[in-house]
Amino acid sequence: MLNAQEVGGAPADLIVFPEGACHKEIQEASTKNPNSIIVGAIVEDGRSRGLLIHHGQNKIEYLKVESDDRTEGSQNVQQCPVYEMPDICIGVLICKDIDSVEFARKVIDRIKSSSCALKLLCVPADMMSDWFSDEKLPPKYEGVHVVLCNHTKTYQFRCQSFVTDMLGNKINVQKQHKPVYAQLPS
């Protein structure tokens, strides 16, 4: 989703915005949904900064690692944007960082190694249609639910936002530009 108005009426445990979301919209969603976990990526000074807001506070420090034609990457593979609570573990990879072999593996392995029952990888993205075009994700994503929220304004032919099961099968895929909702087992 691109703005806080798209958040449905029922309370959501997790709300994911795309890369390039407006910081004001993420803050508004957090204020209106104080018990929700909000994930997104904003652009500051030419860099994408990952956010995971819970109870009004950002719980990760994360600058996108890889550069693209819109943002400069930090090249910092030492960061580990993973947030863990007693029942849920959430990792964040911003868009092209899924291709950073060392960094993506570290984040995904950290999520998989968690003792939490619910393991999520959130991907705030701004991707063309050739990304994640199959109905099943590659094996490296097995063991976590992937929640990808893609920007709707940049590309005419874009990757649709989606949610997967723990085996990497897409269980809910965006239709046109509508927000994606999914209930995951706890």
Protein backbone atom coordinates (compact mmCIF):
# COMPACT_ATOMS: atom_id res chain seq x y z
CA MET A 1 0.00 0.00 0.00
CA LEU A 2 1.06 3.58 -0.53
CA ASN A 3 -0.94 5.44 2.07
CA ALA A 4 -2.41 4.92 5.52
CA GLN A 5 -5.95 5.28 4.16
CA GLU A 6 -5.61 1.91 2.42
CA VAL A 7 -5.31 0.08 5.74
CA GLY A 8 -8.59 -1.78 6.23
CA GLY A 9 -11.00 -1.28 9.10
CA ALA A 10 -10.13 -4.47 11.00
CA PRO A 11 -6.97 -4.34 13.12
CA ALA A 12 -3.92 -5.81 11.42
CA ASP A 13 -0.97 -7.42 13.18
CA LEU A 14 1.39 -6.46 10.35
CA ILE A 15 1.25 -3.67 7.77
CA VAL A 16 3.89 -3.50 5.03
CA PHE A 17 4.58 -0.47 2.84
CA PRO A 18 6.73 -0.52 -0.33
CA GLU A 19 10.19 0.94 -0.84
CA GLY A 20 9.82 4.67 -1.40
CA ALA A 21 6.82 5.04 0.90
CA CYS A 22 6.32 8.41 2.52
CA HIS A 23 7.54 8.56 6.13
CA LYS A 24 4.43 10.57 7.05
CA GLU A 25 2.17 7.74 5.80
CA ILE A 26 4.09 5.12 7.80
CA GLN A 27 3.85 7.28 10.94
CA GLU A 28 0.12 7.84 10.35
CA ALA A 29 -0.46 4.09 9.98
CA SER A 30 1.48 3.52 13.20
CA THR A 31 -0.59 6.13 15.05
CA LYS A 32 -3.90 4.74 13.78
CA ASN A 33 -2.80 1.13 14.45
CA PRO A 34 -0.74 1.36 17.66
CA ASN A 35 -0.60 -2.42 18.20
CA SER A 36 0.39 -3.22 14.61
CA ILE A 37 3.92 -3.83 13.40
CA ILE A 38 4.60 -1.48 10.48
CA VAL A 39 7.35 -2.25 7.93
CA GLY A 40 8.46 -0.07 5.05
CA ALA A 41 11.39 1.69 3.40
CA ILE A 42 11.71 5.44 3.02
CA VAL A 43 14.25 7.36 0.94
CA GLU A 44 16.46 9.79 2.86
CA ASP A 45 19.35 11.66 1.25
CA GLY A 46 19.42 9.26 -1.71
CA ARG A 47 19.41 6.08 0.43
CA SER A 48 16.64 3.65 1.34
CA ARG A 49 16.16 3.24 5.08
CA GLY A 50 14.24 0.24 6.36
CA LEU A 51 11.77 0.77 9.15
CA LEU A 52 10.04 -1.69 11.46
CA ILE A 53 7.80 0.32 13.77
CA HIS A 54 6.32 -1.40 16.82
CA HIS A 55 4.57 0.51 19.62
CA GLY A 56 5.70 3.79 18.02
CA GLN A 57 9.43 2.96 17.91
CA ASN A 58 11.70 1.85 15.07
CA LYS A 59 13.13 -1.53 16.08
CA ILE A 60 15.76 -1.93 13.32
CA GLU A 61 18.67 0.10 12.01
CA TYR A 62 18.97 -0.70 8.34
CA LEU A 63 20.24 1.05 5.24
CA LYS A 64 19.73 -0.76 1.94
CA VAL A 65 22.96 -2.54 0.99
CA GLU A 66 22.72 -2.62 -2.82
CA SER A 67 22.64 0.40 -5.14
CA ASP A 68 20.11 0.75 -7.93
CA ASP A 69 19.25 3.49 -10.41
CA ARG A 70 17.37 5.49 -7.74
CA THR A 71 19.23 4.95 -4.45
CA GLU A 72 22.81 4.54 -3.24
CA GLY A 73 23.57 1.35 -1.33
CA SER A 74 25.39 1.37 2.00
CA GLN A 75 27.41 -1.82 1.22
CA ASN A 76 27.07 -2.56 4.96
CA VAL A 77 26.51 -6.33 5.16
CA GLN A 78 27.21 -6.29 8.92
CA GLN A 79 23.74 -4.97 9.79
CA CYS A 80 21.04 -7.49 10.63
CA PRO A 81 17.51 -6.06 10.33
CA VAL A 82 15.68 -8.72 12.33
CA TYR A 83 13.20 -8.07 15.15
CA GLU A 84 12.13 -10.84 17.47
CA MET A 85 9.35 -11.05 20.03
CA PRO A 86 8.30 -14.14 21.99
CA ASP A 87 5.98 -15.43 19.25
CA ILE A 88 7.15 -13.79 16.02
CA CYS A 89 10.43 -13.13 14.22
CA ILE A 90 10.49 -10.56 11.40
CA GLY A 91 13.37 -9.81 9.08
CA VAL A 92 13.47 -7.04 6.49
CA LEU A 93 15.22 -6.96 3.10
CA ILE A 94 14.71 -3.86 0.96
CA CYS A 95 14.08 -4.67 -2.70
CA LYS A 96 17.36 -5.41 -4.48
CA ASP A 97 18.98 -6.59 -1.24
CA ILE A 98 17.38 -9.98 -1.91
CA ASP A 99 20.15 -10.35 -4.53
CA SER A 100 22.95 -9.58 -2.08
CA VAL A 101 23.91 -13.22 -1.51
CA GLU A 102 25.84 -12.77 1.75
CA PHE A 103 23.46 -10.24 3.30
CA ALA A 104 20.19 -11.92 2.27
CA ARG A 105 21.44 -15.31 3.44
CA LYS A 106 22.42 -13.85 6.83
CA VAL A 107 18.99 -12.26 7.36
CA ILE A 108 17.03 -15.30 6.14
CA ASP A 109 19.17 -17.72 8.20
CA ARG A 110 18.68 -15.54 11.30
CA ILE A 111 14.89 -15.71 10.83
CA LYS A 112 14.96 -19.47 10.23
CA SER A 113 17.09 -20.07 13.34
CA SER A 114 14.59 -18.29 15.58
CA SER A 115 12.59 -20.41 18.01
CA CYS A 116 9.48 -18.36 17.20
CA ALA A 117 6.60 -20.20 15.57
CA LEU A 118 5.82 -17.38 13.12
CA LYS A 119 8.76 -16.42 10.89
CA LEU A 120 8.34 -13.56 8.41
CA LEU A 121 10.55 -11.94 5.81
CA CYS A 122 9.14 -8.55 4.81
CA VAL A 123 10.33 -7.06 1.52
CA PRO A 124 9.47 -3.39 0.90
CA ALA A 125 10.09 -3.22 -2.86
CA ASP A 126 9.99 -1.22 -6.06
CA MET A 127 10.39 -4.00 -8.65
CA MET A 128 9.64 -4.70 -12.29
CA SER A 129 7.58 -7.72 -13.34
CA ASP A 130 10.53 -10.05 -13.93
CA TRP A 131 11.12 -10.34 -10.16
CA PHE A 132 9.39 -13.28 -8.43
CA SER A 133 7.34 -14.10 -11.53
CA ASP A 134 6.81 -17.78 -10.65
CA GLU A 135 4.06 -19.08 -8.35
CA LYS A 136 6.69 -20.58 -6.04
CA LEU A 137 9.77 -18.81 -4.67
CA PRO A 138 13.27 -20.35 -4.83
CA PRO A 139 14.17 -22.88 -2.09
CA LYS A 140 16.22 -20.35 -0.07
CA TYR A 141 12.89 -18.85 1.13
CA GLU A 142 11.47 -22.13 2.45
CA GLY A 143 10.89 -21.98 6.20
CA VAL A 144 9.65 -18.38 6.29
CA HIS A 145 6.56 -16.54 5.11
CA VAL A 146 7.58 -13.87 2.59
CA VAL A 147 5.49 -10.70 2.59
CA LEU A 148 6.46 -8.53 -0.39
CA CYS A 149 4.88 -5.11 -0.85
CA ASN A 150 5.77 -3.56 -4.18
CA HIS A 151 5.40 0.07 -5.18
CA THR A 152 2.48 0.65 -7.58
CA LYS A 153 3.64 3.87 -9.25
CA THR A 154 7.10 3.28 -10.74
CA TYR A 155 6.69 0.53 -13.33
CA GLN A 156 3.85 -0.14 -15.76
CA PHE A 157 4.74 -3.86 -15.67
CA ARG A 158 5.56 -4.59 -12.06
CA CYS A 159 5.90 -7.48 -9.66
CA GLN A 160 2.60 -7.91 -7.83
CA SER A 161 2.70 -7.76 -4.03
CA PHE A 162 2.23 -11.17 -2.41
CA VAL A 163 2.33 -13.37 0.70
CA THR A 164 3.73 -16.91 0.72
CA ASP A 165 3.31 -19.96 2.89
CA MET A 166 6.34 -21.53 4.61
CA LEU A 167 7.13 -23.58 1.49
CA GLY A 168 7.42 -20.51 -0.74
CA ASN A 169 4.04 -20.92 -2.48
CA LYS A 170 2.23 -17.64 -3.11
CA ILE A 171 -1.00 -17.86 -1.11
CA ASN A 172 -2.25 -14.33 -1.74
CA VAL A 173 -1.27 -12.21 -4.74
CA GLN A 174 -2.23 -8.61 -5.36
CA LYS A 175 -4.97 -7.93 -7.91
CA GLN A 176 -4.35 -4.70 -9.83
CA HIS A 177 -3.33 -2.13 -7.18
CA LYS A 178 -5.45 -3.32 -4.28
CA PRO A 179 -3.84 -3.95 -0.87
CA VAL A 180 -3.09 -7.60 -0.04
CA TYR A 181 -4.53 -9.15 3.12
CA ALA A 182 -3.66 -12.58 4.48
CA GLN A 183 -4.23 -14.53 7.65
CA LEU A 184 -1.19 -16.57 8.62
CA PRO A 185 -1.10 -19.38 11.17
CA SER A 186 0.40 -18.39 14.50
